[in-house]
N, C-alpha and C. Protein backbone atom coordinates (compact mmCIF):
# COMPACT_ATOMS: atom_id res chain seq x y z
N MET A 1 1.01 -1.15 0.17
CA MET A 1 0.09 0.05 -0.14
C MET A 1 0.64 1.23 0.15
N PRO A 2 0.41 2.13 -0.69
CA PRO A 2 1.43 3.11 -1.15
C PRO A 2 0.86 4.53 0.51
N GLY A 3 1.69 5.17 0.58
CA GLY A 3 1.48 5.82 1.97
C GLY A 3 0.06 6.60 1.67
N PRO A 4 -0.07 7.51 2.71
CA PRO A 4 -1.38 8.21 2.89
C PRO A 4 -1.47 9.12 2.27
N ARG A 5 -2.56 9.90 1.48
CA ARG A 5 -2.83 11.05 0.46
C ARG A 5 -2.76 11.71 1.71
N GLU A 6 -1.59 12.98 1.53
CA GLU A 6 -1.44 14.08 2.63
C GLU A 6 -2.51 14.93 1.88
N PHE A 7 -4.05 15.32 2.75
CA PHE A 7 -4.92 15.95 2.38
C PHE A 7 -4.61 17.90 2.95
N GLY A 8 -3.26 17.64 3.54
CA GLY A 8 -3.02 19.03 4.32
C GLY A 8 -4.10 19.77 5.19
N PRO A 9 -3.74 20.64 5.67
CA PRO A 9 -4.22 21.65 6.28
C PRO A 9 -5.81 22.09 6.04
N LEU A 10 -6.85 21.87 7.29
CA LEU A 10 -8.16 22.03 6.48
C LEU A 10 -8.55 23.53 6.70
N GLU A 11 -9.31 24.09 5.25
CA GLU A 11 -10.27 25.10 5.77
C GLU A 11 -11.12 25.28 6.62
N HIS A 12 -11.98 23.84 6.29
CA HIS A 12 -13.58 23.60 6.95
C HIS A 12 -13.95 22.63 6.97
N ILE A 13 -14.04 21.99 7.79
CA ILE A 13 -14.42 20.76 8.12
C ILE A 13 -15.66 20.21 9.07
N ILE A 14 -16.86 20.03 8.89
CA ILE A 14 -18.09 20.04 9.19
C ILE A 14 -18.57 18.42 9.54
N ALA A 15 -19.56 18.13 10.64
CA ALA A 15 -20.07 16.68 10.66
C ALA A 15 -21.43 16.95 10.47
N GLU A 16 -22.29 16.09 9.37
CA GLU A 16 -23.54 15.67 8.77
C GLU A 16 -24.05 14.65 9.53
N ALA A 17 -25.46 14.71 9.16
CA ALA A 17 -26.00 13.26 9.09
C ALA A 17 -27.12 13.68 8.38
N ILE A 18 -27.31 12.50 7.08
CA ILE A 18 -27.80 12.74 5.89
C ILE A 18 -29.14 11.60 6.65
N GLY A 19 -30.26 11.96 5.92
CA GLY A 19 -31.57 10.80 5.81
C GLY A 19 -32.16 11.44 7.15
N GLN A 20 -33.34 10.61 7.30
CA GLN A 20 -34.24 10.47 8.54
C GLN A 20 -33.82 10.02 9.85
N PRO A 21 -33.89 10.36 11.06
CA PRO A 21 -33.35 9.80 11.90
C PRO A 21 -33.83 7.85 12.13
N GLY A 22 -33.04 7.85 12.50
CA GLY A 22 -32.72 5.68 12.07
C GLY A 22 -32.49 5.34 10.91
N GLN A 23 -32.42 5.80 10.07
CA GLN A 23 -31.78 5.45 8.67
C GLN A 23 -30.59 6.52 8.37
N ARG A 24 -30.30 7.28 9.15
CA ARG A 24 -29.27 8.46 8.79
C ARG A 24 -27.89 7.98 8.58
N ARG A 25 -27.19 8.38 7.20
CA ARG A 25 -25.76 8.19 6.82
C ARG A 25 -24.61 9.17 8.01
N PHE A 26 -23.55 9.08 8.28
CA PHE A 26 -22.86 10.03 8.78
C PHE A 26 -21.90 10.51 8.16
N ARG A 27 -21.31 11.81 7.51
CA ARG A 27 -20.23 12.13 7.27
C ARG A 27 -18.94 12.70 8.22
N LEU A 28 -18.30 13.08 7.66
CA LEU A 28 -17.23 14.77 8.43
C LEU A 28 -16.61 14.93 6.41
N HIS A 29 -17.49 16.01 6.38
CA HIS A 29 -16.99 16.95 4.92
C HIS A 29 -15.54 17.82 5.29
N ALA A 30 -14.38 17.70 4.27
CA ALA A 30 -13.97 18.61 4.53
C ALA A 30 -13.34 19.20 3.26
N MET A 31 -12.49 20.36 3.44
CA MET A 31 -12.29 21.16 2.54
C MET A 31 -11.03 21.41 2.66
N ASN A 32 -9.45 21.34 1.87
CA ASN A 32 -8.60 21.81 1.80
C ASN A 32 -8.50 23.06 1.88
N LEU A 33 -6.89 23.78 1.62
CA LEU A 33 -6.59 25.30 1.10
C LEU A 33 -6.90 25.35 -0.19
N ASP A 34 -6.44 24.15 -0.85
CA ASP A 34 -6.36 24.07 -2.66
C ASP A 34 -8.06 23.70 -3.02
N VAL A 35 -9.45 24.01 -1.79
CA VAL A 35 -10.56 23.93 -2.67
C VAL A 35 -10.51 22.28 -2.76
N GLU A 36 -10.61 21.33 -2.20
CA GLU A 36 -10.21 20.04 -2.73
C GLU A 36 -11.16 19.32 -1.60
N SER A 37 -12.26 18.48 -1.77
CA SER A 37 -12.73 18.28 -1.07
C SER A 37 -12.87 16.68 -0.19
N ALA A 38 -13.20 16.49 0.80
CA ALA A 38 -13.11 14.76 1.20
C ALA A 38 -14.50 14.78 2.06
N SER A 39 -15.15 13.46 1.54
CA SER A 39 -16.10 13.08 2.44
C SER A 39 -16.10 11.55 2.84
N LEU A 40 -16.09 11.56 4.62
CA LEU A 40 -15.71 10.58 5.07
C LEU A 40 -17.12 9.78 5.79
N TRP A 41 -17.30 8.88 5.30
CA TRP A 41 -18.29 8.30 5.60
C TRP A 41 -17.85 7.61 6.97
N LEU A 42 -18.95 7.35 8.28
CA LEU A 42 -18.60 6.77 9.31
C LEU A 42 -19.96 6.72 9.93
N GLU A 43 -19.81 5.53 10.93
CA GLU A 43 -20.80 4.85 11.90
C GLU A 43 -20.86 6.24 13.00
N LYS A 44 -22.07 6.14 13.61
CA LYS A 44 -22.52 7.34 14.47
C LYS A 44 -21.67 6.91 15.85
N GLU A 45 -21.37 5.79 16.15
CA GLU A 45 -20.43 5.37 17.28
C GLU A 45 -18.93 6.36 17.00
N GLN A 46 -18.63 5.97 15.69
CA GLN A 46 -17.67 6.62 15.18
C GLN A 46 -17.25 8.44 15.25
N LEU A 47 -18.49 9.11 15.11
CA LEU A 47 -18.50 10.02 15.21
C LEU A 47 -18.47 10.58 16.83
N ILE A 48 -19.27 9.87 17.49
CA ILE A 48 -18.97 10.26 18.82
C ILE A 48 -17.67 9.84 19.59
N ALA A 49 -17.33 9.04 19.45
CA ALA A 49 -16.03 8.73 19.72
C ALA A 49 -15.01 10.00 18.99
N LEU A 50 -14.78 10.10 18.10
CA LEU A 50 -13.83 11.70 17.47
C LEU A 50 -14.29 12.81 18.20
N ALA A 51 -15.56 13.01 19.00
CA ALA A 51 -15.92 14.14 19.39
C ALA A 51 -15.58 13.96 20.64
N GLU A 52 -15.57 12.90 21.59
CA GLU A 52 -14.91 12.85 22.73
C GLU A 52 -13.28 12.40 22.52
N ALA A 53 -12.69 12.28 21.72
CA ALA A 53 -11.34 12.25 21.81
C ALA A 53 -10.95 13.95 21.13
N ILE A 54 -11.68 14.38 20.53
CA ILE A 54 -11.15 15.99 20.58
C ILE A 54 -11.01 16.54 21.76
N GLU A 55 -12.54 16.28 22.34
CA GLU A 55 -12.90 17.06 23.87
C GLU A 55 -11.65 16.85 24.85
N ASN A 56 -11.36 15.48 25.03
CA ASN A 56 -10.06 15.08 25.83
C ASN A 56 -9.14 15.95 25.73
N VAL A 57 -8.48 16.32 24.06
CA VAL A 57 -7.48 17.23 23.90
C VAL A 57 -7.21 18.58 23.77
N LEU A 58 -8.43 18.40 23.57
CA LEU A 58 -8.53 20.13 24.31
C LEU A 58 -8.43 20.39 25.51
N ARG A 59 -9.42 19.44 26.34
CA ARG A 59 -8.81 19.78 27.68
C ARG A 59 -7.91 19.69 28.23
N ASP A 60 -6.90 18.38 27.46
CA ASP A 60 -5.83 18.31 28.21
C ASP A 60 -4.64 19.66 27.48
N ALA A 61 -5.00 20.16 26.91
CA ALA A 61 -3.74 21.22 26.13
C ALA A 61 -4.64 22.69 26.56
N GLY A 62 -5.22 22.40 27.80
CA GLY A 62 -5.69 23.25 28.20
C GLY A 62 -6.10 24.65 27.56
N TYR A 63 -7.14 24.64 26.27
CA TYR A 63 -7.54 24.97 25.23
C TYR A 63 -8.99 25.85 25.84
N GLU A 64 -8.91 27.05 25.74
CA GLU A 64 -10.40 27.84 25.96
C GLU A 64 -10.68 28.67 24.40
N TYR A 65 -11.58 27.99 24.22
CA TYR A 65 -12.46 28.66 22.92
C TYR A 65 -12.87 29.99 23.26
N GLN A 66 -12.17 31.08 22.35
CA GLN A 66 -13.06 32.51 22.37
C GLN A 66 -13.42 32.78 21.08
N ALA A 67 -14.93 32.83 21.38
CA ALA A 67 -15.57 33.39 20.33
C ALA A 67 -15.25 34.43 19.35
N ARG A 68 -15.62 34.13 18.01
CA ARG A 68 -15.33 35.54 17.37
C ARG A 68 -16.21 36.62 17.40
N PRO A 69 -15.69 38.09 17.00
CA PRO A 69 -17.07 38.56 16.73
C PRO A 69 -17.69 38.66 15.52
N LEU A 70 -18.99 38.63 15.73
CA LEU A 70 -20.03 38.31 14.52
C LEU A 70 -19.66 38.99 13.50
N ASP A 71 -18.97 40.15 13.18
CA ASP A 71 -18.41 40.82 11.88
C ASP A 71 -17.63 40.15 11.39
N ASP A 72 -16.95 38.99 12.14
CA ASP A 72 -15.44 38.26 11.54
C ASP A 72 -15.79 36.78 11.61
N LEU A 73 -17.14 36.56 11.50
CA LEU A 73 -17.24 35.08 11.45
C LEU A 73 -17.28 34.50 9.67
N PRO A 74 -16.47 33.44 9.79
CA PRO A 74 -16.33 32.89 8.29
C PRO A 74 -17.89 32.76 7.43
N GLN A 75 -17.54 32.72 6.22
CA GLN A 75 -18.96 32.29 5.78
C GLN A 75 -18.81 30.77 5.58
N PRO A 76 -20.17 30.45 5.00
CA PRO A 76 -20.13 29.31 5.39
C PRO A 76 -19.38 28.81 4.22
N PRO A 77 -19.07 27.40 4.08
CA PRO A 77 -18.17 26.81 2.97
C PRO A 77 -19.15 26.47 1.82
N VAL A 78 -18.97 26.59 0.81
CA VAL A 78 -19.36 25.78 -0.58
C VAL A 78 -18.66 25.06 -1.14
N PHE A 79 -18.64 23.58 -0.48
CA PHE A 79 -18.29 22.30 -1.16
C PHE A 79 -18.41 22.51 -2.33
N PRO A 80 -17.26 21.51 -3.46
CA PRO A 80 -17.31 21.42 -4.50
C PRO A 80 -18.18 19.91 -5.01
N LEU A 81 -18.91 19.65 -5.74
CA LEU A 81 -20.01 18.47 -5.81
C LEU A 81 -19.21 17.18 -5.98
N ASN A 82 -18.05 17.27 -6.41
CA ASN A 82 -17.48 15.74 -6.43
C ASN A 82 -16.29 16.04 -5.75
N ALA A 83 -16.12 15.37 -4.48
CA ALA A 83 -15.40 14.85 -3.65
C ALA A 83 -13.93 14.11 -4.18
N ALA A 84 -12.87 14.84 -3.63
CA ALA A 84 -11.83 14.19 -4.59
C ALA A 84 -11.45 13.26 -3.72
N VAL A 85 -11.71 13.13 -2.37
CA VAL A 85 -11.36 11.68 -1.57
C VAL A 85 -13.21 11.45 -0.77
N ASP A 86 -13.19 10.10 -0.96
CA ASP A 86 -14.58 9.70 -0.55
C ASP A 86 -14.42 8.30 -0.47
N LEU A 87 -14.47 8.18 0.95
CA LEU A 87 -14.35 7.20 1.60
C LEU A 87 -15.00 6.58 2.90
N ARG A 88 -15.60 5.24 2.82
CA ARG A 88 -16.32 4.69 3.82
C ARG A 88 -15.26 4.19 4.81
N LEU A 89 -15.22 4.77 5.80
CA LEU A 89 -13.95 4.25 6.99
C LEU A 89 -14.08 2.99 7.55
N ALA A 90 -13.45 2.46 7.63
CA ALA A 90 -12.85 1.10 8.78
C ALA A 90 -12.14 1.63 9.80
N GLN A 91 -10.97 2.42 9.18
CA GLN A 91 -10.41 2.78 10.27
C GLN A 91 -10.41 5.04 10.66
N LEU A 92 -10.16 5.16 12.06
CA LEU A 92 -10.11 6.47 12.01
C LEU A 92 -9.07 6.66 13.21
N SER A 93 -8.06 7.34 13.13
CA SER A 93 -7.02 7.33 13.90
C SER A 93 -6.87 9.03 14.26
N MET A 94 -6.87 9.39 15.25
CA MET A 94 -6.57 10.94 15.55
C MET A 94 -5.50 11.22 16.53
N GLY A 95 -4.14 12.00 15.74
CA GLY A 95 -3.13 12.56 16.29
C GLY A 95 -3.11 14.07 17.01
N VAL A 96 -2.23 14.60 17.50
CA VAL A 96 -2.13 15.89 17.59
C VAL A 96 -0.85 16.17 17.78
N ASP A 97 -0.58 17.43 17.12
CA ASP A 97 0.62 18.04 17.31
C ASP A 97 0.81 19.19 18.17
N VAL A 98 1.35 19.19 19.29
CA VAL A 98 1.37 19.97 20.27
C VAL A 98 1.62 21.04 19.82
N GLU A 99 3.17 21.27 19.38
CA GLU A 99 3.74 22.63 18.95
C GLU A 99 2.96 23.42 18.19
N LYS A 100 2.29 22.96 16.91
CA LYS A 100 1.66 23.58 16.09
C LYS A 100 -0.28 23.67 16.43
N HIS A 101 -0.47 23.40 17.60
CA HIS A 101 -1.60 23.30 18.15
C HIS A 101 -2.57 23.08 17.23
N THR A 102 -2.83 21.98 16.56
CA THR A 102 -3.18 21.03 15.62
C THR A 102 -3.67 19.66 15.55
N VAL A 103 -4.79 19.16 15.61
CA VAL A 103 -5.47 17.74 15.59
C VAL A 103 -5.22 17.39 13.98
N VAL A 104 -4.79 16.01 14.04
CA VAL A 104 -4.44 15.06 12.71
C VAL A 104 -5.27 14.34 12.92
N LEU A 105 -6.00 13.77 11.92
CA LEU A 105 -6.80 12.56 11.18
C LEU A 105 -6.01 12.05 10.49
N ILE A 106 -6.09 10.50 10.51
CA ILE A 106 -6.23 9.45 9.65
C ILE A 106 -6.93 8.73 9.45
N ALA A 107 -7.37 9.06 8.16
CA ALA A 107 -8.27 7.78 8.31
C ALA A 107 -7.95 6.97 6.87
N ALA A 108 -8.68 5.45 6.89
CA ALA A 108 -8.94 4.38 6.02
C ALA A 108 -10.22 3.60 5.91
N ASP A 109 -9.97 3.50 4.31
CA ASP A 109 -11.24 2.48 4.38
C ASP A 109 -10.65 1.04 4.41
N GLY A 110 -11.30 -0.02 3.83
CA GLY A 110 -11.54 -1.60 4.68
C GLY A 110 -10.15 -1.80 3.39
N PRO A 111 -9.41 -2.99 3.13
CA PRO A 111 -8.97 -3.25 1.83
C PRO A 111 -9.84 -4.01 1.32
N ASP A 112 -9.66 -3.27 -0.46
CA ASP A 112 -10.45 -3.34 -1.69
C ASP A 112 -10.10 -4.75 -1.71
N ASP A 113 -10.68 -5.39 -2.81
CA ASP A 113 -10.52 -6.84 -3.37
C ASP A 113 -8.65 -7.00 -4.11
N GLU A 114 -8.60 -5.98 -4.80
CA GLU A 114 -7.20 -5.89 -5.36
C GLU A 114 -6.32 -4.66 -5.32
N ALA A 115 -7.27 -3.65 -4.97
CA ALA A 115 -6.64 -2.20 -5.08
C ALA A 115 -6.01 -1.57 -3.88
N GLY A 116 -6.17 -2.91 -2.81
CA GLY A 116 -5.59 -2.38 -1.27
C GLY A 116 -6.48 -1.02 -0.60
N THR A 117 -5.53 -0.70 0.59
CA THR A 117 -6.83 0.63 1.06
C THR A 117 -6.05 1.77 0.70
N THR A 118 -7.03 2.57 1.36
CA THR A 118 -6.77 3.75 0.72
C THR A 118 -6.73 4.71 1.82
N ALA A 119 -6.05 5.43 2.21
CA ALA A 119 -5.80 6.18 3.68
C ALA A 119 -5.38 7.60 3.10
N VAL A 120 -5.96 8.80 3.81
CA VAL A 120 -5.79 9.96 4.06
C VAL A 120 -5.60 10.80 5.33
N THR A 121 -4.78 11.83 5.30
CA THR A 121 -4.41 12.69 6.53
C THR A 121 -4.69 14.07 6.58
N MET A 122 -5.23 14.56 7.54
CA MET A 122 -5.66 15.84 7.41
C MET A 122 -5.33 16.59 8.56
N GLN A 123 -5.12 17.85 8.92
CA GLN A 123 -5.16 18.73 9.95
C GLN A 123 -5.63 19.93 10.06
N PHE A 124 -6.21 20.16 11.04
CA PHE A 124 -6.63 21.46 11.94
C PHE A 124 -6.45 21.62 12.88
N ASP A 125 -6.82 23.25 12.91
CA ASP A 125 -6.30 23.67 14.33
C ASP A 125 -7.26 23.86 15.48
N TYR A 126 -6.87 23.99 16.82
CA TYR A 126 -7.63 23.60 17.67
C TYR A 126 -9.07 24.31 17.85
N ARG A 127 -9.19 25.51 17.34
CA ARG A 127 -10.47 26.48 17.35
C ARG A 127 -11.64 25.37 16.05
N LYS A 128 -10.93 25.16 15.12
CA LYS A 128 -12.05 24.22 14.33
C LYS A 128 -12.44 22.63 14.76
N ALA A 129 -11.55 22.22 15.65
CA ALA A 129 -11.84 20.87 16.35
C ALA A 129 -12.69 21.34 17.34
N TYR A 130 -12.87 22.53 17.87
CA TYR A 130 -13.37 22.71 19.17
C TYR A 130 -14.82 23.00 18.36
N GLU A 131 -14.97 23.88 17.63
CA GLU A 131 -15.68 23.77 16.86
C GLU A 131 -17.09 22.67 15.97
N LEU A 132 -16.06 21.34 16.00
CA LEU A 132 -16.24 20.24 15.47
C LEU A 132 -16.84 19.29 16.14
N ARG A 133 -16.16 19.40 17.56
CA ARG A 133 -16.75 18.22 18.62
C ARG A 133 -18.39 19.02 19.11
N ARG A 134 -18.43 20.50 18.95
CA ARG A 134 -19.52 21.15 19.45
C ARG A 134 -20.64 20.94 18.25
N GLN A 135 -20.17 20.73 17.02
CA GLN A 135 -21.30 20.32 15.97
C GLN A 135 -21.71 19.05 15.88
N ILE A 136 -20.75 18.15 16.27
CA ILE A 136 -20.60 16.34 16.48
C ILE A 136 -21.93 16.23 17.14
N THR A 137 -21.72 16.99 18.55
CA THR A 137 -22.89 17.00 19.36
C THR A 137 -24.05 17.12 19.08
N GLN A 138 -24.05 18.23 18.38
CA GLN A 138 -25.60 18.76 17.93
C GLN A 138 -26.12 17.98 16.97
N VAL A 139 -25.51 17.12 16.06
CA VAL A 139 -25.58 16.33 14.75
C VAL A 139 -26.18 14.89 15.57
N VAL A 140 -25.80 14.51 16.71
CA VAL A 140 -25.61 13.44 17.22
C VAL A 140 -27.33 13.59 18.17
N ALA A 141 -27.03 14.66 18.55
CA ALA A 141 -28.55 14.83 19.32
C ALA A 141 -29.44 14.84 18.79
N ALA A 142 -29.79 15.65 17.36
CA ALA A 142 -30.68 15.42 16.61
C ALA A 142 -31.27 13.86 15.95
N GLY A 143 -30.94 13.03 16.34
CA GLY A 143 -31.68 11.87 15.88
C GLY A 143 -32.54 11.52 17.00
N ARG A 144 -32.95 10.35 17.28
CA ARG A 144 -34.07 9.70 17.84
C ARG A 144 -33.38 9.56 19.52
N PRO A 145 -34.11 10.12 20.37
CA PRO A 145 -34.59 9.69 21.42
C PRO A 145 -33.86 8.85 22.41
N PRO A 146 -33.32 8.58 22.82
CA PRO A 146 -32.78 7.54 23.78
C PRO A 146 -33.88 7.22 24.71
N CYS A 147 -34.37 5.64 24.78
CA CYS A 147 -35.45 5.83 26.17
C CYS A 147 -34.90 5.32 27.34
N PRO A 148 -35.41 6.16 28.40
CA PRO A 148 -34.85 6.52 29.83
C PRO A 148 -34.57 4.87 30.39
N LEU A 149 -35.58 4.25 30.23
CA LEU A 149 -34.72 2.92 30.75
C LEU A 149 -33.86 2.06 30.19
N CYS A 150 -33.85 1.65 28.68
CA CYS A 150 -32.64 0.65 28.07
C CYS A 150 -31.67 1.63 27.08
N THR A 151 -31.97 2.50 27.12
CA THR A 151 -31.29 4.08 26.54
C THR A 151 -31.29 3.38 24.43
N ALA A 152 -31.68 2.50 24.29
CA ALA A 152 -31.72 2.19 22.75
C ALA A 152 -32.87 3.36 22.08
N PRO A 153 -32.62 3.35 21.03
CA PRO A 153 -33.45 4.54 20.13
C PRO A 153 -34.49 4.48 20.24
N ILE A 154 -35.72 5.36 20.71
CA ILE A 154 -37.16 5.64 20.44
C ILE A 154 -37.88 5.81 18.75
N ASP A 155 -38.30 4.74 18.19
CA ASP A 155 -38.15 5.10 16.82
C ASP A 155 -39.40 6.35 16.95
N PRO A 156 -39.86 6.90 16.03
CA PRO A 156 -41.32 7.68 15.88
C PRO A 156 -43.06 6.88 15.54
N SER A 157 -42.50 5.11 15.42
CA SER A 157 -44.07 4.36 15.52
C SER A 157 -43.94 3.86 17.00
N GLY A 158 -42.83 4.24 17.76
CA GLY A 158 -42.68 3.34 19.05
C GLY A 158 -41.77 2.84 19.11
N HIS A 159 -41.59 2.18 20.88
CA HIS A 159 -40.38 1.47 21.12
C HIS A 159 -40.79 0.28 21.76
N VAL A 160 -40.37 -1.22 21.86
CA VAL A 160 -40.64 -2.14 22.68
C VAL A 160 -39.15 -2.46 23.73
N CYS A 161 -39.55 -1.50 24.85
CA CYS A 161 -38.27 -1.64 25.77
C CYS A 161 -38.21 -3.10 26.42
N VAL A 162 -36.33 -3.34 26.03
CA VAL A 162 -36.10 -4.75 26.60
C VAL A 162 -36.44 -4.97 28.44
N ARG A 163 -36.44 -4.00 28.63
CA ARG A 163 -35.92 -3.54 30.67
C ARG A 163 -37.59 -3.99 31.03
N THR A 164 -38.74 -3.59 30.00
CA THR A 164 -40.38 -3.89 30.69
C THR A 164 -40.75 -5.04 30.00
N ASN A 165 -39.69 -5.83 29.27
CA ASN A 165 -40.61 -7.30 28.49
C ASN A 165 -41.39 -6.77 27.59
N GLY A 166 -41.06 -5.92 27.12
CA GLY A 166 -42.43 -5.36 26.06
C GLY A 166 -43.67 -4.61 26.40
N HIS A 167 -43.51 -4.71 27.68
CA HIS A 167 -45.15 -4.22 28.25
C HIS A 167 -45.32 -2.59 28.29
N ASN A 168 -44.20 -1.74 28.07
CA ASN A 168 -44.70 -0.28 27.96
C ASN A 168 -43.84 0.16 27.02
N PRO A 169 -44.84 0.38 25.79
CA PRO A 169 -43.96 0.51 24.66
C PRO A 169 -44.28 2.19 24.93
N HIS A 170 -43.07 2.89 24.40
CA HIS A 170 -42.76 4.81 24.28
C HIS A 170 -43.48 5.04 23.44
């Protein structure tokens, strides 16, 4: 396998959920300084783990988020229609460059039949990491609410709770 593709410093990175709750697909959508985009498709649990890892890194670094003045907010990104990198993630690793105050993501899909594994690395500063963690929290919370007894998601059509032997649908 050749080394991972260096996607470089990111201009934008966002978390998205596509579809209806219960049938959503999750992705990180990133754009580098050369206006190339990457779509990294991942599971909800991977997204939650990424948010927790970012939170731990920022806490350990003593990072304190400073909100930007309203007249200094960046414009929402306009991503290219075709992503230069489009991966269904099998592996997602995170590192930190303490000297540069950046988070480094290393993402890879699973091995294909003959082509091998495709991997990409990208980095973004602590501010973007904080904003991404906050956005991930919002994206995940917008899904189906958890059952207060068993914590399984409650579908709009109802829920058969295993802790009540199915006798108390929500």
